[in-house]
Amino acid sequence: MSDVKVTFIRPDGSELTVATAPGVTVLQLAQENGLEMEGACEGNMACSTCHVIVDRSHFDRLPEASENEEEMLDLALGLTATSRLGCQVVIEADLDGLVLRLPRESRNMMGF
């Protein structure tokens, strides 16, 4: 199985393109590559600190967000129509070329 390329666009506009085997989440991939994505709940969908904005051209390739994910996204700063939680997006082969924008800031609402 070949690697999948994913491009992260940092808040300052700089880009990082990485290759990964399918099966990891966007949160795992970002953290493994030193990107600032907190993931305060460690990927348990209990916060919105792994919020990413999916490029519109790739958004329809993703499975639909669950109701629980939608509720967590409501807490995210800078929410857009193509926002997702990085802990819920699993990299699959058909996502090759995925482009994700990292928001300027996040809000950790755990414990509130």
Foldseek 3Di string as FASTA:
>chain_A
DFWAWEWEQEPVRDIDIDTDAFFAFQVVVCVVVPHPQCCVVVLPLPAQSQKKAWDPVQQVVWDDDDPSQVVRLVQWPPDDPRIGRRSPTTDDRVCRPIYIYDDPDTDGPPPD
